[in-house]
Amino acid sequence: MTGVARDDRIDLGFTELVGDTRATGEVTVAARPEDFSLGGAVDATVLETTCLGHRTDLQVELADGNVITIQVDGDAEYRTGDEIGVEIDPEKVQVFPTEFREGINAVA
């Protein structure tokens, strides 16, 4: 996900993360599926569900078009098209200057 960092805030367009970040300007934010949780203020639509026994992976589309994967309890029942609310733990995200990501893409 990309956003803009300033004053210890990262504006992702669909939500704002508050935390201790040294980055400023355009950034890339990376998070693991387990760092998202249900019940947040960010609207998402379930695109796909994958039951893995003890957990279920949900591929969801955020309001801005970003598609992410989140992990929920294996007993959770969601269907394609379900509208859910998600949130991200700002303490667990990785923040990189966007030019860092562009440099990696150039090498790959």
PDB file of N, CA and C in Angstrom:
ATOM      1  N   MET A   1       0.849  -1.161   0.000  1.00  0.00           N
ATOM      2  CA  MET A   1       0.000   0.000   0.000  1.00  0.00           C
ATOM      3  C   MET A   1       0.895   1.224   0.000  1.00  0.00           C
ATOM      4  N   THR A   2       0.449   2.262  -0.651  1.00  0.00           N
ATOM      5  CA  THR A   2       1.218   3.501  -0.649  1.00  0.00           C
ATOM      6  C   THR A   2       0.456   4.578   0.109  1.00  0.00           C
ATOM      7  N   GLY A   3       1.209   5.511   0.649  1.00  0.00           N
ATOM      8  CA  GLY A   3       0.607   6.606   1.390  1.00  0.00           C
ATOM      9  C   GLY A   3       1.565   7.770   1.488  1.00  0.00           C
ATOM     10  N   VAL A   4       1.167   8.755   2.280  1.00  0.00           N
ATOM     11  CA  VAL A   4       1.999   9.933   2.496  1.00  0.00           C
ATOM     12  C   VAL A   4       2.241  10.066   4.001  1.00  0.00           C
ATOM     13  N   ALA A   5       3.516  10.147   4.379  1.00  0.00           N
ATOM     14  CA  ALA A   5       3.894  10.243   5.791  1.00  0.00           C
ATOM     15  C   ALA A   5       4.291  11.671   6.133  1.00  0.00           C
ATOM     16  N   ARG A   6       3.789  12.132   7.276  1.00  0.00           N
ATOM     17  CA  ARG A   6       4.193  13.428   7.811  1.00  0.00           C
ATOM     18  C   ARG A   6       3.706  13.513   9.263  1.00  0.00           C
ATOM     19  N   ASP A   7       4.517  14.126  10.098  1.00  0.00           N
ATOM     20  CA  ASP A   7       4.151  14.369  11.495  1.00  0.00           C
ATOM     21  C   ASP A   7       3.673  13.109  12.213  1.00  0.00           C
ATOM     22  N   ASP A   8       4.420  12.010  12.081  1.00  0.00           N
ATOM     23  CA  ASP A   8       4.093  10.738  12.731  1.00  0.00           C
ATOM     24  C   ASP A   8       2.726  10.201  12.333  1.00  0.00           C
ATOM     25  N   ARG A   9       2.269  10.536  11.139  1.00  0.00           N
ATOM     26  CA  ARG A   9       1.011  10.025  10.594  1.00  0.00           C
ATOM     27  C   ARG A   9       1.263   9.547   9.171  1.00  0.00           C
ATOM     28  N   ILE A  10       0.541   8.507   8.795  1.00  0.00           N
ATOM     29  CA  ILE A  10       0.607   8.021   7.419  1.00  0.00           C
ATOM     30  C   ILE A  10      -0.807   8.002   6.863  1.00  0.00           C
ATOM     31  N   ASP A  11      -1.037   8.809   5.856  1.00  0.00           N
ATOM     32  CA  ASP A  11      -2.339   8.869   5.194  1.00  0.00           C
ATOM     33  C   ASP A  11      -2.331   7.854   4.057  1.00  0.00           C
ATOM     34  N   LEU A  12      -3.146   6.802   4.201  1.00  0.00           N
ATOM     35  CA  LEU A  12      -3.238   5.762   3.179  1.00  0.00           C
ATOM     36  C   LEU A  12      -4.387   6.010   2.202  1.00  0.00           C
ATOM     37  N   GLY A  13      -5.090   7.095   2.383  1.00  0.00           N
ATOM     38  CA  GLY A  13      -6.224   7.390   1.517  1.00  0.00           C
ATOM     39  C   GLY A  13      -7.527   6.869   2.087  1.00  0.00           C
ATOM     40  N   PHE A  14      -7.550   5.625   2.510  1.00  0.00           N
ATOM     41  CA  PHE A  14      -8.750   5.027   3.090  1.00  0.00           C
ATOM     42  C   PHE A  14      -8.735   5.061   4.607  1.00  0.00           C
ATOM     43  N   THR A  15      -7.573   5.314   5.198  1.00  0.00           N
ATOM     44  CA  THR A  15      -7.438   5.448   6.650  1.00  0.00           C
ATOM     45  C   THR A  15      -6.125   6.150   6.948  1.00  0.00           C
ATOM     46  N   GLU A  16      -5.986   6.596   8.182  1.00  0.00           N
ATOM     47  CA  GLU A  16      -4.752   7.238   8.603  1.00  0.00           C
ATOM     48  C   GLU A  16      -4.166   6.455   9.766  1.00  0.00           C
ATOM     49  N   LEU A  17      -2.885   6.132   9.673  1.00  0.00           N
ATOM     50  CA  LEU A  17      -2.185   5.443  10.753  1.00  0.00           C
ATOM     51  C   LEU A  17      -1.409   6.466  11.556  1.00  0.00           C
ATOM     52  N   VAL A  18      -1.448   6.321  12.862  1.00  0.00           N
ATOM     53  CA  VAL A  18      -0.707   7.208  13.752  1.00  0.00           C
ATOM     54  C   VAL A  18       0.330   6.365  14.459  1.00  0.00           C
ATOM     55  N   GLY A  19       1.562   6.794  14.400  1.00  0.00           N
ATOM     56  CA  GLY A  19       2.621   6.043  15.060  1.00  0.00           C
ATOM     57  C   GLY A  19       3.946   6.756  14.898  1.00  0.00           C
ATOM     58  N   ASP A  20       4.962   6.207  15.489  1.00  0.00           N
ATOM     59  CA  ASP A  20       6.292   6.789  15.454  1.00  0.00           C
ATOM     60  C   ASP A  20       6.971   6.405  14.139  1.00  0.00           C
ATOM     61  N   THR A  21       6.920   7.297  13.170  1.00  0.00           N
ATOM     62  CA  THR A  21       7.587   7.046  11.895  1.00  0.00           C
ATOM     63  C   THR A  21       8.550   8.180  11.594  1.00  0.00           C
ATOM     64  N   ARG A  22       9.706   7.829  11.119  1.00  0.00           N
ATOM     65  CA  ARG A  22      10.696   8.848  10.765  1.00  0.00           C
ATOM     66  C   ARG A  22      10.576   9.251   9.303  1.00  0.00           C
ATOM     67  N   ALA A  23       9.796   8.491   8.564  1.00  0.00           N
ATOM     68  CA  ALA A  23       9.655   8.759   7.135  1.00  0.00           C
ATOM     69  C   ALA A  23       8.804   9.994   6.886  1.00  0.00           C
ATOM     70  N   THR A  24       9.092  10.655   5.779  1.00  0.00           N
ATOM     71  CA  THR A  24       8.255  11.759   5.322  1.00  0.00           C
ATOM     72  C   THR A  24       8.078  11.625   3.816  1.00  0.00           C
ATOM     73  N   GLY A  25       6.988  12.149   3.325  1.00  0.00           N
ATOM     74  CA  GLY A  25       6.712  12.067   1.897  1.00  0.00           C
ATOM     75  C   GLY A  25       6.030  10.760   1.539  1.00  0.00           C
ATOM     76  N   GLU A  26       6.142  10.380   0.255  1.00  0.00           N
ATOM     77  CA  GLU A  26       5.473   9.174  -0.217  1.00  0.00           C
ATOM     78  C   GLU A  26       6.177   7.933   0.329  1.00  0.00           C
ATOM     79  N   VAL A  27       5.380   7.018   0.878  1.00  0.00           N
ATOM     80  CA  VAL A  27       5.911   5.795   1.479  1.00  0.00           C
ATOM     81  C   VAL A  27       5.122   4.582   0.997  1.00  0.00           C
ATOM     82  N   THR A  28       5.744   3.428   1.157  1.00  0.00           N
ATOM     83  CA  THR A  28       5.086   2.154   0.941  1.00  0.00           C
ATOM     84  C   THR A  28       4.921   1.504   2.306  1.00  0.00           C
ATOM     85  N   VAL A  29       3.722   1.011   2.588  1.00  0.00           N
ATOM     86  CA  VAL A  29       3.418   0.385   3.870  1.00  0.00           C
ATOM     87  C   VAL A  29       3.173  -1.104   3.631  1.00  0.00           C
ATOM     88  N   ALA A  30       3.869  -1.932   4.378  1.00  0.00           N
ATOM     89  CA  ALA A  30       3.702  -3.384   4.276  1.00  0.00           C
ATOM     90  C   ALA A  30       3.206  -3.915   5.614  1.00  0.00           C
ATOM     91  N   ALA A  31       2.279  -4.867   5.543  1.00  0.00           N
ATOM     92  CA  ALA A  31       1.743  -5.482   6.765  1.00  0.00           C
ATOM     93  C   ALA A  31       1.447  -6.948   6.484  1.00  0.00           C
ATOM     94  N   ARG A  32       1.573  -7.767   7.493  1.00  0.00           N
ATOM     95  CA  ARG A  32       1.249  -9.186   7.383  1.00  0.00           C
ATOM     96  C   ARG A  32      -0.260  -9.381   7.540  1.00  0.00           C
ATOM     97  N   PRO A  33      -0.804 -10.433   6.959  1.00  0.00           N
ATOM     98  CA  PRO A  33      -2.250 -10.683   7.074  1.00  0.00           C
ATOM     99  C   PRO A  33      -2.744 -10.750   8.517  1.00  0.00           C
ATOM    100  N   GLU A  34      -1.917 -11.241   9.423  1.00  0.00           N
ATOM    101  CA  GLU A  34      -2.338 -11.350  10.817  1.00  0.00           C
ATOM    102  C   GLU A  34      -2.334 -10.005  11.548  1.00  0.00           C
ATOM    103  N   ASP A  35      -1.810  -8.956  10.918  1.00  0.00           N
ATOM    104  CA  ASP A  35      -1.789  -7.629  11.532  1.00  0.00           C
ATOM    105  C   ASP A  35      -3.061  -6.834  11.286  1.00  0.00           C
ATOM    106  N   PHE A  36      -3.995  -7.406  10.535  1.00  0.00           N
ATOM    107  CA  PHE A  36      -5.300  -6.803  10.309  1.00  0.00           C
ATOM    108  C   PHE A  36      -6.306  -7.486  11.226  1.00  0.00           C
ATOM    109  N   SER A  37      -7.331  -6.768  11.627  1.00  0.00           N
ATOM    110  CA  SER A  37      -8.396  -7.373  12.431  1.00  0.00           C
ATOM    111  C   SER A  37      -9.744  -6.877  11.937  1.00  0.00           C
ATOM    112  N   LEU A  38     -10.772  -7.599  12.317  1.00  0.00           N
ATOM    113  CA  LEU A  38     -12.133  -7.262  11.913  1.00  0.00           C
ATOM    114  C   LEU A  38     -12.733  -6.237  12.861  1.00  0.00           C
ATOM    115  N   GLY A  39     -13.771  -5.555  12.394  1.00  0.00           N
ATOM    116  CA  GLY A  39     -14.509  -4.643  13.245  1.00  0.00           C
ATOM    117  C   GLY A  39     -14.031  -3.208  13.195  1.00  0.00           C
ATOM    118  N   GLY A  40     -13.102  -2.911  12.312  1.00  0.00           N
ATOM    119  CA  GLY A  40     -12.588  -1.557  12.216  1.00  0.00           C
ATOM    120  C   GLY A  40     -13.456  -0.672  11.334  1.00  0.00           C
ATOM    121  N   ALA A  41     -13.012   0.559  11.181  1.00  0.00           N
ATOM    122  CA  ALA A  41     -13.776   1.558  10.440  1.00  0.00           C
ATOM    123  C   ALA A  41     -13.498   1.552   8.940  1.00  0.00           C
ATOM    124  N   VAL A  42     -12.540   0.737   8.492  1.00  0.00           N
ATOM    125  CA  VAL A  42     -12.199   0.692   7.075  1.00  0.00           C
ATOM    126  C   VAL A  42     -13.109  -0.318   6.385  1.00  0.00           C
ATOM    127  N   ASP A  43     -13.889   0.164   5.418  1.00  0.00           N
ATOM    128  CA  ASP A  43     -14.812  -0.706   4.691  1.00  0.00           C
ATOM    129  C   ASP A  43     -14.059  -1.582   3.696  1.00  0.00           C
ATOM    130  N   ALA A  44     -14.474  -2.835   3.620  1.00  0.00           N
ATOM    131  CA  ALA A  44     -13.862  -3.791   2.697  1.00  0.00           C
ATOM    132  C   ALA A  44     -14.928  -4.764   2.219  1.00  0.00           C
ATOM    133  N   THR A  45     -14.689  -5.325   1.031  1.00  0.00           N
ATOM    134  CA  THR A  45     -15.584  -6.323   0.454  1.00  0.00           C
ATOM    135  C   THR A  45     -14.815  -7.619   0.287  1.00  0.00           C
ATOM    136  N   VAL A  46     -15.385  -8.724   0.763  1.00  0.00           N
ATOM    137  CA  VAL A  46     -14.731 -10.024   0.642  1.00  0.00           C
ATOM    138  C   VAL A  46     -14.764 -10.472  -0.816  1.00  0.00           C
ATOM    139  N   LEU A  47     -13.571 -10.769  -1.349  1.00  0.00           N
ATOM    140  CA  LEU A  47     -13.455 -11.253  -2.723  1.00  0.00           C
ATOM    141  C   LEU A  47     -13.329 -12.770  -2.777  1.00  0.00           C
ATOM    142  N   GLU A  48     -12.630 -13.331  -1.778  1.00  0.00           N
ATOM    143  CA  GLU A  48     -12.352 -14.770  -1.775  1.00  0.00           C
ATOM    144  C   GLU A  48     -12.078 -15.230  -0.355  1.00  0.00           C
ATOM    145  N   THR A  49     -12.488 -16.452  -0.047  1.00  0.00           N
ATOM    146  CA  THR A  49     -12.183 -17.053   1.258  1.00  0.00           C
ATOM    147  C   THR A  49     -11.424 -18.350   1.034  1.00  0.00           C
ATOM    148  N   THR A  50     -10.444 -18.601   1.899  1.00  0.00           N
ATOM    149  CA  THR A  50      -9.685 -19.837   1.842  1.00  0.00           C
ATOM    150  C   THR A  50      -9.614 -20.409   3.244  1.00  0.00           C
ATOM    151  N   CYS A  51     -10.319 -21.508   3.474  1.00  0.00           N
ATOM    152  CA  CYS A  51     -10.316 -22.162   4.786  1.00  0.00           C
ATOM    153  C   CYS A  51      -9.064 -23.020   4.905  1.00  0.00           C
ATOM    154  N   LEU A  52      -8.301 -22.776   5.956  1.00  0.00           N
ATOM    155  CA  LEU A  52      -7.059 -23.504   6.181  1.00  0.00           C
ATOM    156  C   LEU A  52      -7.093 -24.265   7.507  1.00  0.00           C
ATOM    157  N   GLY A  53      -8.271 -24.643   7.935  1.00  0.00           N
ATOM    158  CA  GLY A  53      -8.416 -25.381   9.190  1.00  0.00           C
ATOM    159  C   GLY A  53      -8.507 -24.443  10.368  1.00  0.00           C
ATOM    160  N   HIS A  54      -7.376 -24.169  11.017  1.00  0.00           N
ATOM    161  CA  HIS A  54      -7.360 -23.323  12.209  1.00  0.00           C
ATOM    162  C   HIS A  54      -7.554 -21.847  11.900  1.00  0.00           C
ATOM    163  N   ARG A  55      -7.426 -21.475  10.626  1.00  0.00           N
ATOM    164  CA  ARG A  55      -7.653 -20.087  10.251  1.00  0.00           C
ATOM    165  C   ARG A  55      -8.269 -20.037   8.858  1.00  0.00           C
ATOM    166  N   THR A  56      -8.851 -18.890   8.547  1.00  0.00           N
ATOM    167  CA  THR A  56      -9.382 -18.633   7.213  1.00  0.00           C
ATOM    168  C   THR A  56      -8.730 -17.364   6.694  1.00  0.00           C
ATOM    169  N   ASP A  57      -8.248 -17.420   5.473  1.00  0.00           N
ATOM    170  CA  ASP A  57      -7.703 -16.231   4.829  1.00  0.00           C
ATOM    171  C   ASP A  57      -8.802 -15.573   4.017  1.00  0.00           C
ATOM    172  N   LEU A  58      -8.962 -14.272   4.192  1.00  0.00           N
ATOM    173  CA  LEU A  58      -9.925 -13.502   3.418  1.00  0.00           C
ATOM    174  C   LEU A  58      -9.164 -12.555   2.504  1.00  0.00           C
ATOM    175  N   GLN A  59      -9.437 -12.646   1.223  1.00  0.00           N
ATOM    176  CA  GLN A  59      -8.907 -11.651   0.297  1.00  0.00           C
ATOM    177  C   GLN A  59     -10.002 -10.608   0.173  1.00  0.00           C
ATOM    178  N   VAL A  60      -9.670  -9.366   0.523  1.00  0.00           N
ATOM    179  CA  VAL A  60     -10.679  -8.309   0.548  1.00  0.00           C
ATOM    180  C   VAL A  60     -10.209  -7.109  -0.273  1.00  0.00           C
ATOM    181  N   GLU A  61     -11.183  -6.386  -0.802  1.00  0.00           N
ATOM    182  CA  GLU A  61     -10.887  -5.162  -1.528  1.00  0.00           C
ATOM    183  C   GLU A  61     -11.297  -3.979  -0.672  1.00  0.00           C
ATOM    184  N   LEU A  62     -10.367  -3.063  -0.475  1.00  0.00           N
ATOM    185  CA  LEU A  62     -10.635  -1.856   0.292  1.00  0.00           C
ATOM    186  C   LEU A  62     -11.320  -0.831  -0.604  1.00  0.00           C
ATOM    187  N   ALA A  63     -11.871   0.199   0.014  1.00  0.00           N
ATOM    188  CA  ALA A  63     -12.621   1.211  -0.723  1.00  0.00           C
ATOM    189  C   ALA A  63     -11.796   1.894  -1.808  1.00  0.00           C
ATOM    190  N   ASP A  64     -10.477   1.957  -1.622  1.00  0.00           N
ATOM    191  CA  ASP A  64      -9.624   2.626  -2.616  1.00  0.00           C
ATOM    192  C   ASP A  64      -9.161   1.687  -3.720  1.00  0.00           C
ATOM    193  N   GLY A  65      -9.607   0.433  -3.680  1.00  0.00           N
ATOM    194  CA  GLY A  65      -9.228  -0.537  -4.707  1.00  0.00           C
ATOM    195  C   GLY A  65      -8.072  -1.441  -4.333  1.00  0.00           C
ATOM    196  N   ASN A  66      -7.355  -1.134  -3.245  1.00  0.00           N
ATOM    197  CA  ASN A  66      -6.294  -2.029  -2.785  1.00  0.00           C
ATOM    198  C   ASN A  66      -6.896  -3.368  -2.396  1.00  0.00           C
ATOM    199  N   VAL A  67      -6.216  -4.444  -2.724  1.00  0.00           N
ATOM    200  CA  VAL A  67      -6.638  -5.786  -2.338  1.00  0.00           C
ATOM    201  C   VAL A  67      -5.618  -6.318  -1.343  1.00  0.00           C
ATOM    202  N   ILE A  68      -6.106  -6.762  -0.187  1.00  0.00           N
ATOM    203  CA  ILE A  68      -5.237  -7.284   0.866  1.00  0.00           C
ATOM    204  C   ILE A  68      -5.770  -8.644   1.323  1.00  0.00           C
ATOM    205  N   THR A  69      -4.928  -9.373   2.020  1.00  0.00           N
ATOM    206  CA  THR A  69      -5.333 -10.632   2.637  1.00  0.00           C
ATOM    207  C   THR A  69      -5.288 -10.446   4.142  1.00  0.00           C
ATOM    208  N   ILE A  70      -6.357 -10.869   4.818  1.00  0.00           N
ATOM    209  CA  ILE A  70      -6.367 -10.844   6.275  1.00  0.00           C
ATOM    210  C   ILE A  70      -6.674 -12.244   6.784  1.00  0.00           C
ATOM    211  N   GLN A  71      -6.223 -12.533   7.982  1.00  0.00           N
ATOM    212  CA  GLN A  71      -6.462 -13.835   8.593  1.00  0.00           C
ATOM    213  C   GLN A  71      -7.494 -13.699   9.690  1.00  0.00           C
ATOM    214  N   VAL A  72      -8.448 -14.629   9.697  1.00  0.00           N
ATOM    215  CA  VAL A  72      -9.470 -14.670  10.741  1.00  0.00           C
ATOM    216  C   VAL A  72      -9.533 -16.085  11.298  1.00  0.00           C
ATOM    217  N   ASP A  73     -10.253 -16.259  12.382  1.00  0.00           N
ATOM    218  CA  ASP A  73     -10.418 -17.558  13.010  1.00  0.00           C
ATOM    219  C   ASP A  73     -11.000 -18.565  12.015  1.00  0.00           C
ATOM    220  N   GLY A  74     -10.564 -19.802  12.097  1.00  0.00           N
ATOM    221  CA  GLY A  74     -11.021 -20.839  11.178  1.00  0.00           C
ATOM    222  C   GLY A  74     -12.503 -21.125  11.247  1.00  0.00           C
ATOM    223  N   ASP A  75     -13.150 -20.780  12.361  1.00  0.00           N
ATOM    224  CA  ASP A  75     -14.592 -20.997  12.502  1.00  0.00           C
ATOM    225  C   ASP A  75     -15.421 -19.874  11.884  1.00  0.00           C
ATOM    226  N   ALA A  76     -14.763 -18.790  11.493  1.00  0.00           N
ATOM    227  CA  ALA A  76     -15.480 -17.638  10.934  1.00  0.00           C
ATOM    228  C   ALA A  76     -16.083 -18.008   9.581  1.00  0.00           C
ATOM    229  N   GLU A  77     -17.284 -17.524   9.335  1.00  0.00           N
ATOM    230  CA  GLU A  77     -17.966 -17.816   8.071  1.00  0.00           C
ATOM    231  C   GLU A  77     -18.211 -16.521   7.308  1.00  0.00           C
ATOM    232  N   TYR A  78     -17.494 -16.366   6.226  1.00  0.00           N
ATOM    233  CA  TYR A  78     -17.667 -15.217   5.338  1.00  0.00           C
ATOM    234  C   TYR A  78     -17.855 -15.734   3.925  1.00  0.00           C
ATOM    235  N   ARG A  79     -18.568 -14.951   3.134  1.00  0.00           N
ATOM    236  CA  ARG A  79     -18.826 -15.312   1.751  1.00  0.00           C
ATOM    237  C   ARG A  79     -18.392 -14.175   0.835  1.00  0.00           C
ATOM    238  N   THR A  80     -18.102 -14.532  -0.397  1.00  0.00           N
ATOM    239  CA  THR A  80     -17.775 -13.531  -1.406  1.00  0.00           C
ATOM    240  C   THR A  80     -18.891 -12.499  -1.470  1.00  0.00           C
ATOM    241  N   GLY A  81     -18.509 -11.238  -1.435  1.00  0.00           N
ATOM    242  CA  GLY A  81     -19.476 -10.141  -1.483  1.00  0.00           C
ATOM    243  C   GLY A  81     -19.835  -9.575  -0.123  1.00  0.00           C
ATOM    244  N   ASP A  82     -19.488 -10.284   0.964  1.00  0.00           N
ATOM    245  CA  ASP A  82     -19.770  -9.754   2.303  1.00  0.00           C
ATOM    246  C   ASP A  82     -19.041  -8.431   2.512  1.00  0.00           C
ATOM    247  N   GLU A  83     -19.723  -7.494   3.146  1.00  0.00           N
ATOM    248  CA  GLU A  83     -19.134  -6.208   3.511  1.00  0.00           C
ATOM    249  C   GLU A  83     -18.656  -6.317   4.950  1.00  0.00           C
ATOM    250  N   ILE A  84     -17.394  -5.977   5.186  1.00  0.00           N
ATOM    251  CA  ILE A  84     -16.825  -6.061   6.527  1.00  0.00           C
ATOM    252  C   ILE A  84     -16.057  -4.784   6.840  1.00  0.00           C
ATOM    253  N   GLY A  85     -15.752  -4.596   8.096  1.00  0.00           N
ATOM    254  CA  GLY A  85     -14.892  -3.504   8.528  1.00  0.00           C
ATOM    255  C   GLY A  85     -13.575  -4.085   9.010  1.00  0.00           C
ATOM    256  N   VAL A  86     -12.469  -3.478   8.616  1.00  0.00           N
ATOM    257  CA  VAL A  86     -11.160  -3.957   9.037  1.00  0.00           C
ATOM    258  C   VAL A  86     -10.355  -2.809   9.629  1.00  0.00           C
ATOM    259  N   GLU A  87      -9.330  -3.173  10.374  1.00  0.00           N
ATOM    260  CA  GLU A  87      -8.373  -2.198  10.870  1.00  0.00           C
ATOM    261  C   GLU A  87      -6.993  -2.837  10.856  1.00  0.00           C
ATOM    262  N   ILE A  88      -6.002  -1.994  10.898  1.00  0.00           N
ATOM    263  CA  ILE A  88      -4.617  -2.451  10.874  1.00  0.00           C
ATOM    264  C   ILE A  88      -3.923  -1.958  12.130  1.00  0.00           C
ATOM    265  N   ASP A  89      -3.074  -2.788  12.694  1.00  0.00           N
ATOM    266  CA  ASP A  89      -2.320  -2.411  13.881  1.00  0.00           C
ATOM    267  C   ASP A  89      -1.134  -1.549  13.435  1.00  0.00           C
ATOM    268  N   PRO A  90      -1.173  -0.246  13.706  1.00  0.00           N
ATOM    269  CA  PRO A  90      -0.105   0.637  13.218  1.00  0.00           C
ATOM    270  C   PRO A  90       1.269   0.324  13.803  1.00  0.00           C
ATOM    271  N   GLU A  91       1.301  -0.366  14.931  1.00  0.00           N
ATOM    272  CA  GLU A  91       2.581  -0.719  15.553  1.00  0.00           C
ATOM    273  C   GLU A  91       3.295  -1.842  14.814  1.00  0.00           C
ATOM    274  N   LYS A  92       2.583  -2.551  13.950  1.00  0.00           N
ATOM    275  CA  LYS A  92       3.166  -3.717  13.290  1.00  0.00           C
ATOM    276  C   LYS A  92       3.468  -3.523  11.808  1.00  0.00           C
ATOM    277  N   VAL A  93       3.169  -2.355  11.277  1.00  0.00           N
ATOM    278  CA  VAL A  93       3.439  -2.143   9.854  1.00  0.00           C
ATOM    279  C   VAL A  93       4.909  -1.804   9.624  1.00  0.00           C
ATOM    280  N   GLN A  94       5.372  -2.102   8.427  1.00  0.00           N
ATOM    281  CA  GLN A  94       6.704  -1.729   7.981  1.00  0.00           C
ATOM    282  C   GLN A  94       6.532  -0.541   7.034  1.00  0.00           C
ATOM    283  N   VAL A  95       7.324   0.484   7.183  1.00  0.00           N
ATOM    284  CA  VAL A  95       7.216   1.679   6.350  1.00  0.00           C
ATOM    285  C   VAL A  95       8.534   1.873   5.604  1.00  0.00           C
ATOM    286  N   PHE A  96       8.428   2.005   4.276  1.00  0.00           N
ATOM    287  CA  PHE A  96       9.603   2.200   3.431  1.00  0.00           C
ATOM    288  C   PHE A  96       9.396   3.430   2.556  1.00  0.00           C
ATOM    289  N   PRO A  97      10.443   4.220   2.360  1.00  0.00           N
ATOM    290  CA  PRO A  97      10.321   5.296   1.377  1.00  0.00           C
ATOM    291  C   PRO A  97       9.994   4.674   0.014  1.00  0.00           C
ATOM    292  N   THR A  98       9.130   5.298  -0.748  1.00  0.00           N
ATOM    293  CA  THR A  98       8.710   4.732  -2.026  1.00  0.00           C
ATOM    294  C   THR A  98       9.888   4.521  -2.960  1.00  0.00           C
ATOM    295  N   GLU A  99      10.886   5.385  -2.919  1.00  0.00           N
ATOM    296  CA  GLU A  99      12.039   5.197  -3.806  1.00  0.00           C
ATOM    297  C   GLU A  99      12.789   3.909  -3.476  1.00  0.00           C
ATOM    298  N   PHE A 100      12.721   3.446  -2.226  1.00  0.00           N
ATOM    299  CA  PHE A 100      13.317   2.164  -1.842  1.00  0.00           C
ATOM    300  C   PHE A 100      12.635   1.032  -2.582  1.00  0.00           C
ATOM    301  N   ARG A 101      11.296   1.060  -2.633  1.00  0.00           N
ATOM    302  CA  ARG A 101      10.526   0.039  -3.344  1.00  0.00           C
ATOM    303  C   ARG A 101      10.835   0.087  -4.832  1.00  0.00           C
ATOM    304  N   GLU A 102      10.933   1.291  -5.399  1.00  0.00           N
ATOM    305  CA  GLU A 102      11.232   1.423  -6.821  1.00  0.00           C
ATOM    306  C   GLU A 102      12.604   0.872  -7.146  1.00  0.00           C
ATOM    307  N   GLY A 103      13.565   1.031  -6.232  1.00  0.00           N
ATOM    308  CA  GLY A 103      14.899   0.477  -6.424  1.00  0.00           C
ATOM    309  C   GLY A 103      14.891  -1.034  -6.422  1.00  0.00           C
ATOM    310  N   ILE A 104      14.083  -1.627  -5.560  1.00  0.00           N
ATOM    311  CA  ILE A 104      13.959  -3.087  -5.528  1.00  0.00           C
ATOM    312  C   ILE A 104      13.345  -3.583  -6.823  1.00  0.00           C
ATOM    313  N   ASN A 105      12.310  -2.917  -7.309  1.00  0.00           N
ATOM    314  CA  ASN A 105      11.665  -3.316  -8.559  1.00  0.00           C
ATOM    315  C   ASN A 105      12.617  -3.220  -9.738  1.00  0.00           C
ATOM    316  N   ALA A 106      13.529  -2.251  -9.727  1.00  0.00           N
ATOM    317  CA  ALA A 106      14.464  -2.084 -10.825  1.00  0.00           C
ATOM    318  C   ALA A 106      15.466  -3.227 -10.872  1.00  0.00           C
ATOM    319  N   VAL A 107      15.819  -3.768  -9.697  1.00  0.00           N
ATOM    320  CA  VAL A 107      16.797  -4.857  -9.617  1.00  0.00           C
ATOM    321  C   VAL A 107      16.163  -6.184  -9.991  1.00  0.00           C
ATOM    322  N   ALA A 108      14.881  -6.358  -9.661  1.00  0.00           N
ATOM    323  CA  ALA A 108      14.205  -7.647  -9.881  1.00  0.00           C
ATOM    324  C   ALA A 108      14.037  -7.997 -11.336  1.00  0.00           C
TER     325      ALA A 108
END
